Amino acid sequence: HYRQKNKVIWATYEGGDILFGTLS
């Protein structure tokens, strides 16, 4: 699930073997 503010990007992700993750 991606989010954006101007040129900044972040997301959360989960499923399969991944309990919870973030990207920034």
PDB file of all heavy atoms in Angstrom:
ATOM      1  N   HIS A   1       0.870  -1.174   0.000  1.00  0.00           N
ATOM      2  CA  HIS A   1       0.000   0.000   0.000  1.00  0.00           C
ATOM      3  C   HIS A   1       0.911   1.229   0.000  1.00  0.00           C
ATOM      4  O   HIS A   1       1.541   1.550   1.010  1.00  0.00           O
ATOM      5  CB  HIS A   1      -0.912   0.003   1.225  1.00  0.00           C
ATOM      6  CG  HIS A   1      -1.882   1.132   1.240  1.00  0.00           C
ATOM      7  ND1 HIS A   1      -2.646   1.431   2.329  1.00  0.00           N
ATOM      8  CD2 HIS A   1      -2.219   2.053   0.294  1.00  0.00           C
ATOM      9  CE1 HIS A   1      -3.399   2.481   2.069  1.00  0.00           C
ATOM     10  NE2 HIS A   1      -3.156   2.873   0.843  1.00  0.00           N
ATOM     11  N   TYR A   2       0.980   1.911  -1.149  1.00  0.00           N
ATOM     12  CA  TYR A   2       1.859   3.065  -1.331  1.00  0.00           C
ATOM     13  C   TYR A   2       1.154   4.354  -0.923  1.00  0.00           C
ATOM     14  O   TYR A   2      -0.053   4.502  -1.090  1.00  0.00           O
ATOM     15  CB  TYR A   2       2.282   3.191  -2.796  1.00  0.00           C
ATOM     16  CG  TYR A   2       3.479   2.358  -3.169  1.00  0.00           C
ATOM     17  CD1 TYR A   2       3.444   0.977  -3.107  1.00  0.00           C
ATOM     18  CD2 TYR A   2       4.646   2.957  -3.596  1.00  0.00           C
ATOM     19  CE1 TYR A   2       4.537   0.205  -3.469  1.00  0.00           C
ATOM     20  CE2 TYR A   2       5.753   2.209  -3.957  1.00  0.00           C
ATOM     21  CZ  TYR A   2       5.692   0.838  -3.884  1.00  0.00           C
ATOM     22  OH  TYR A   2       6.783   0.085  -4.233  1.00  0.00           O
ATOM     23  N   ARG A   3       1.966   5.303  -0.439  1.00  0.00           N
ATOM     24  CA  ARG A   3       1.515   6.663  -0.162  1.00  0.00           C
ATOM     25  C   ARG A   3       2.544   7.626  -0.732  1.00  0.00           C
ATOM     26  O   ARG A   3       3.698   7.266  -0.929  1.00  0.00           O
ATOM     27  CB  ARG A   3       1.396   6.924   1.344  1.00  0.00           C
ATOM     28  CG  ARG A   3       0.135   6.376   1.975  1.00  0.00           C
ATOM     29  CD  ARG A   3       0.354   4.981   2.359  1.00  0.00           C
ATOM     30  NE  ARG A   3      -0.625   4.505   3.338  1.00  0.00           N
ATOM     31  CZ  ARG A   3      -0.448   3.400   3.997  1.00  0.00           C
ATOM     32  NH1 ARG A   3       0.631   2.691   3.849  1.00  0.00           N
ATOM     33  NH2 ARG A   3      -1.367   2.973   4.825  1.00  0.00           N
ATOM     34  N   GLN A   4       2.114   8.860  -0.963  1.00  0.00           N
ATOM     35  CA  GLN A   4       3.003   9.859  -1.546  1.00  0.00           C
ATOM     36  C   GLN A   4       2.652  11.234  -1.036  1.00  0.00           C
ATOM     37  O   GLN A   4       1.475  11.582  -0.892  1.00  0.00           O
ATOM     38  CB  GLN A   4       2.878   9.837  -3.069  1.00  0.00           C
ATOM     39  CG  GLN A   4       3.715  10.885  -3.768  1.00  0.00           C
ATOM     40  CD  GLN A   4       3.585  10.812  -5.278  1.00  0.00           C
ATOM     41  OE1 GLN A   4       3.003   9.886  -5.835  1.00  0.00           O
ATOM     42  NE2 GLN A   4       4.136  11.810  -5.944  1.00  0.00           N
ATOM     43  N   LYS A   5       3.681  12.024  -0.754  1.00  0.00           N
ATOM     44  CA  LYS A   5       3.539  13.448  -0.454  1.00  0.00           C
ATOM     45  C   LYS A   5       4.644  14.155  -1.224  1.00  0.00           C
ATOM     46  O   LYS A   5       5.823  13.994  -0.910  1.00  0.00           O
ATOM     47  CB  LYS A   5       3.655  13.723   1.038  1.00  0.00           C
ATOM     48  CG  LYS A   5       3.417  15.172   1.384  1.00  0.00           C
ATOM     49  CD  LYS A   5       3.396  15.384   2.878  1.00  0.00           C
ATOM     50  CE  LYS A   5       3.060  16.832   3.186  1.00  0.00           C
ATOM     51  NZ  LYS A   5       3.009  17.059   4.640  1.00  0.00           N
ATOM     52  N   ASN A   6       4.242  14.881  -2.274  1.00  0.00           N
ATOM     53  CA  ASN A   6       5.191  15.511  -3.197  1.00  0.00           C
ATOM     54  C   ASN A   6       6.097  14.426  -3.772  1.00  0.00           C
ATOM     55  O   ASN A   6       5.619  13.497  -4.373  1.00  0.00           O
ATOM     56  CB  ASN A   6       5.948  16.646  -2.522  1.00  0.00           C
ATOM     57  CG  ASN A   6       5.010  17.736  -2.024  1.00  0.00           C
ATOM     58  OD1 ASN A   6       4.081  18.108  -2.727  1.00  0.00           O
ATOM     59  ND2 ASN A   6       5.218  18.217  -0.807  1.00  0.00           N
ATOM     60  N   LYS A   7       7.409  14.505  -3.547  1.00  0.00           N
ATOM     61  CA  LYS A   7       8.329  13.498  -4.091  1.00  0.00           C
ATOM     62  C   LYS A   7       8.679  12.407  -3.078  1.00  0.00           C
ATOM     63  O   LYS A   7       9.474  11.519  -3.371  1.00  0.00           O
ATOM     64  CB  LYS A   7       9.602  14.172  -4.611  1.00  0.00           C
ATOM     65  CG  LYS A   7       9.324  15.023  -5.838  1.00  0.00           C
ATOM     66  CD  LYS A   7      10.601  15.479  -6.484  1.00  0.00           C
ATOM     67  CE  LYS A   7      10.305  16.284  -7.715  1.00  0.00           C
ATOM     68  NZ  LYS A   7      10.297  15.505  -8.927  1.00  0.00           N
ATOM     69  N   VAL A   8       8.087  12.460  -1.900  1.00  0.00           N
ATOM     70  CA  VAL A   8       8.346  11.453  -0.861  1.00  0.00           C
ATOM     71  C   VAL A   8       7.387  10.282  -1.045  1.00  0.00           C
ATOM     72  O   VAL A   8       6.185  10.468  -1.228  1.00  0.00           O
ATOM     73  CB  VAL A   8       8.195  12.058   0.550  1.00  0.00           C
ATOM     74  CG1 VAL A   8       8.379  10.998   1.618  1.00  0.00           C
ATOM     75  CG2 VAL A   8       9.179  13.205   0.741  1.00  0.00           C
ATOM     76  N   ILE A   9       7.936   9.067  -0.997  1.00  0.00           N
ATOM     77  CA  ILE A   9       7.164   7.829  -1.157  1.00  0.00           C
ATOM     78  C   ILE A   9       7.368   6.966   0.078  1.00  0.00           C
ATOM     79  O   ILE A   9       8.479   6.848   0.588  1.00  0.00           O
ATOM     80  CB  ILE A   9       7.678   7.035  -2.381  1.00  0.00           C
ATOM     81  CG1 ILE A   9       7.416   7.790  -3.671  1.00  0.00           C
ATOM     82  CG2 ILE A   9       7.083   5.636  -2.435  1.00  0.00           C
ATOM     83  CD1 ILE A   9       5.993   7.764  -4.122  1.00  0.00           C
ATOM     84  N   TRP A  10       6.279   6.352   0.554  1.00  0.00           N
ATOM     85  CA  TRP A  10       6.410   5.341   1.602  1.00  0.00           C
ATOM     86  C   TRP A  10       5.304   4.311   1.405  1.00  0.00           C
ATOM     87  O   TRP A  10       4.309   4.566   0.729  1.00  0.00           O
ATOM     88  CB  TRP A  10       6.398   5.956   2.999  1.00  0.00           C
ATOM     89  CG  TRP A  10       5.095   6.553   3.443  1.00  0.00           C
ATOM     90  CD1 TRP A  10       4.153   5.977   4.229  1.00  0.00           C
ATOM     91  CD2 TRP A  10       4.606   7.868   3.138  1.00  0.00           C
ATOM     92  NE1 TRP A  10       3.098   6.842   4.430  1.00  0.00           N
ATOM     93  CE2 TRP A  10       3.350   8.011   3.773  1.00  0.00           C
ATOM     94  CE3 TRP A  10       5.082   8.928   2.384  1.00  0.00           C
ATOM     95  CZ2 TRP A  10       2.590   9.165   3.678  1.00  0.00           C
ATOM     96  CZ3 TRP A  10       4.318  10.082   2.278  1.00  0.00           C
ATOM     97  CH2 TRP A  10       3.101  10.190   2.931  1.00  0.00           C
ATOM     98  N   ALA A  11       5.509   3.135   1.970  1.00  0.00           N
ATOM     99  CA  ALA A  11       4.509   2.075   1.820  1.00  0.00           C
ATOM    100  C   ALA A  11       4.621   1.095   2.976  1.00  0.00           C
ATOM    101  O   ALA A  11       5.664   1.009   3.638  1.00  0.00           O
ATOM    102  CB  ALA A  11       4.700   1.337   0.500  1.00  0.00           C
ATOM    103  N   THR A  12       3.546   0.374   3.183  1.00  0.00           N
ATOM    104  CA  THR A  12       3.550  -0.778   4.071  1.00  0.00           C
ATOM    105  C   THR A  12       3.274  -1.999   3.204  1.00  0.00           C
ATOM    106  O   THR A  12       2.660  -1.895   2.137  1.00  0.00           O
ATOM    107  CB  THR A  12       2.483  -0.657   5.178  1.00  0.00           C
ATOM    108  OG1 THR A  12       1.213  -0.433   4.572  1.00  0.00           O
ATOM    109  CG2 THR A  12       2.806   0.498   6.116  1.00  0.00           C
ATOM    110  N   TYR A  13       3.749  -3.156   3.653  1.00  0.00           N
ATOM    111  CA  TYR A  13       3.487  -4.377   2.910  1.00  0.00           C
ATOM    112  C   TYR A  13       3.461  -5.569   3.851  1.00  0.00           C
ATOM    113  O   TYR A  13       4.082  -5.565   4.904  1.00  0.00           O
ATOM    114  CB  TYR A  13       4.481  -4.578   1.767  1.00  0.00           C
ATOM    115  CG  TYR A  13       5.942  -4.653   2.122  1.00  0.00           C
ATOM    116  CD1 TYR A  13       6.600  -5.882   2.182  1.00  0.00           C
ATOM    117  CD2 TYR A  13       6.693  -3.505   2.353  1.00  0.00           C
ATOM    118  CE1 TYR A  13       7.958  -5.955   2.465  1.00  0.00           C
ATOM    119  CE2 TYR A  13       8.037  -3.565   2.633  1.00  0.00           C
ATOM    120  CZ  TYR A  13       8.670  -4.796   2.692  1.00  0.00           C
ATOM    121  OH  TYR A  13      10.013  -4.871   2.983  1.00  0.00           O
ATOM    122  N   GLU A  14       2.687  -6.579   3.456  1.00  0.00           N
ATOM    123  CA  GLU A  14       2.576  -7.800   4.252  1.00  0.00           C
ATOM    124  C   GLU A  14       1.958  -8.894   3.405  1.00  0.00           C
ATOM    125  O   GLU A  14       1.366  -8.629   2.368  1.00  0.00           O
ATOM    126  CB  GLU A  14       1.728  -7.547   5.498  1.00  0.00           C
ATOM    127  CG  GLU A  14       0.326  -7.060   5.227  1.00  0.00           C
ATOM    128  CD  GLU A  14      -0.383  -6.663   6.511  1.00  0.00           C
ATOM    129  OE1 GLU A  14      -0.551  -7.513   7.401  1.00  0.00           O
ATOM    130  OE2 GLU A  14      -0.770  -5.481   6.605  1.00  0.00           O
ATOM    131  N   GLY A  15       2.132 -10.112   3.856  1.00  0.00           N
ATOM    132  CA  GLY A  15       1.555 -11.263   3.176  1.00  0.00           C
ATOM    133  C   GLY A  15       2.602 -12.286   2.808  1.00  0.00           C
ATOM    134  O   GLY A  15       3.776 -11.967   2.642  1.00  0.00           O
ATOM    135  N   GLY A  16       2.171 -13.539   2.702  1.00  0.00           N
ATOM    136  CA  GLY A  16       3.124 -14.615   2.456  1.00  0.00           C
ATOM    137  C   GLY A  16       4.011 -14.775   3.673  1.00  0.00           C
ATOM    138  O   GLY A  16       3.524 -14.809   4.807  1.00  0.00           O
ATOM    139  N   ASP A  17       5.321 -14.852   3.471  1.00  0.00           N
ATOM    140  CA  ASP A  17       6.256 -15.006   4.590  1.00  0.00           C
ATOM    141  C   ASP A  17       6.534 -13.683   5.299  1.00  0.00           C
ATOM    142  O   ASP A  17       7.217 -13.644   6.306  1.00  0.00           O
ATOM    143  CB  ASP A  17       7.582 -15.620   4.105  1.00  0.00           C
ATOM    144  CG  ASP A  17       8.477 -16.020   5.265  1.00  0.00           C
ATOM    145  OD1 ASP A  17       7.979 -16.667   6.214  1.00  0.00           O
ATOM    146  OD2 ASP A  17       9.677 -15.662   5.244  1.00  0.00           O
ATOM    147  N   ILE A  18       6.006 -12.582   4.788  1.00  0.00           N
ATOM    148  CA  ILE A  18       6.280 -11.268   5.376  1.00  0.00           C
ATOM    149  C   ILE A  18       5.165 -10.906   6.348  1.00  0.00           C
ATOM    150  O   ILE A  18       4.010 -10.719   5.955  1.00  0.00           O
ATOM    151  CB  ILE A  18       6.440 -10.200   4.283  1.00  0.00           C
ATOM    152  CG1 ILE A  18       7.638 -10.566   3.404  1.00  0.00           C
ATOM    153  CG2 ILE A  18       6.605  -8.822   4.898  1.00  0.00           C
ATOM    154  CD1 ILE A  18       7.797  -9.731   2.178  1.00  0.00           C
ATOM    155  N   LEU A  19       5.550 -10.798   7.623  1.00  0.00           N
ATOM    156  CA  LEU A  19       4.597 -10.420   8.660  1.00  0.00           C
ATOM    157  C   LEU A  19       4.206  -8.955   8.516  1.00  0.00           C
ATOM    158  O   LEU A  19       3.033  -8.613   8.510  1.00  0.00           O
ATOM    159  CB  LEU A  19       5.209 -10.682  10.042  1.00  0.00           C
ATOM    160  CG  LEU A  19       4.333 -10.411  11.240  1.00  0.00           C
ATOM    161  CD1 LEU A  19       3.114 -11.329  11.230  1.00  0.00           C
ATOM    162  CD2 LEU A  19       5.132 -10.636  12.518  1.00  0.00           C
ATOM    163  N   PHE A  20       5.207  -8.078   8.369  1.00  0.00           N
ATOM    164  CA  PHE A  20       4.954  -6.650   8.176  1.00  0.00           C
ATOM    165  C   PHE A  20       6.233  -5.984   7.690  1.00  0.00           C
ATOM    166  O   PHE A  20       7.321  -6.278   8.174  1.00  0.00           O
ATOM    167  CB  PHE A  20       4.505  -5.977   9.471  1.00  0.00           C
ATOM    168  CG  PHE A  20       4.114  -4.535   9.273  1.00  0.00           C
ATOM    169  CD1 PHE A  20       2.891  -4.203   8.699  1.00  0.00           C
ATOM    170  CD2 PHE A  20       4.975  -3.518   9.620  1.00  0.00           C
ATOM    171  CE1 PHE A  20       2.535  -2.880   8.487  1.00  0.00           C
ATOM    172  CE2 PHE A  20       4.629  -2.182   9.418  1.00  0.00           C
ATOM    173  CZ  PHE A  20       3.403  -1.871   8.855  1.00  0.00           C
ATOM    174  N   GLY A  21       6.084  -5.059   6.715  1.00  0.00           N
ATOM    175  CA  GLY A  21       7.230  -4.343   6.194  1.00  0.00           C
ATOM    176  C   GLY A  21       6.902  -2.902   5.865  1.00  0.00           C
ATOM    177  O   GLY A  21       5.731  -2.529   5.730  1.00  0.00           O
ATOM    178  N   THR A  22       7.950  -2.095   5.760  1.00  0.00           N
ATOM    179  CA  THR A  22       7.814  -0.699   5.362  1.00  0.00           C
ATOM    180  C   THR A  22       8.890  -0.364   4.335  1.00  0.00           C
ATOM    181  O   THR A  22       9.959  -0.980   4.310  1.00  0.00           O
ATOM    182  CB  THR A  22       7.964   0.271   6.551  1.00  0.00           C
ATOM    183  OG1 THR A  22       9.262   0.117   7.126  1.00  0.00           O
ATOM    184  CG2 THR A  22       6.904   0.016   7.610  1.00  0.00           C
ATOM    185  N   LEU A  23       8.586   0.606   3.505  1.00  0.00           N
ATOM    186  CA  LEU A  23       9.600   1.172   2.626  1.00  0.00           C
ATOM    187  C   LEU A  23       9.451   2.682   2.656  1.00  0.00           C
ATOM    188  O   LEU A  23       8.357   3.194   2.898  1.00  0.00           O
ATOM    189  CB  LEU A  23       9.510   0.606   1.209  1.00  0.00           C
ATOM    190  CG  LEU A  23       8.279   0.851   0.354  1.00  0.00           C
ATOM    191  CD1 LEU A  23       8.350   2.181  -0.365  1.00  0.00           C
ATOM    192  CD2 LEU A  23       8.133  -0.264  -0.649  1.00  0.00           C
ATOM    193  N   SER A  24      10.561   3.372   2.460  1.00  0.00           N
ATOM    194  CA  SER A  24      10.559   4.824   2.497  1.00  0.00           C
ATOM    195  C   SER A  24      11.596   5.339   1.520  1.00  0.00           C
ATOM    196  O   SER A  24      12.711   4.807   1.459  1.00  0.00           O
ATOM    197  CB  SER A  24      10.877   5.313   3.908  1.00  0.00           C
ATOM    198  OG  SER A  24      10.873   6.721   3.959  1.00  0.00           O
TER     199      SER A  24
END
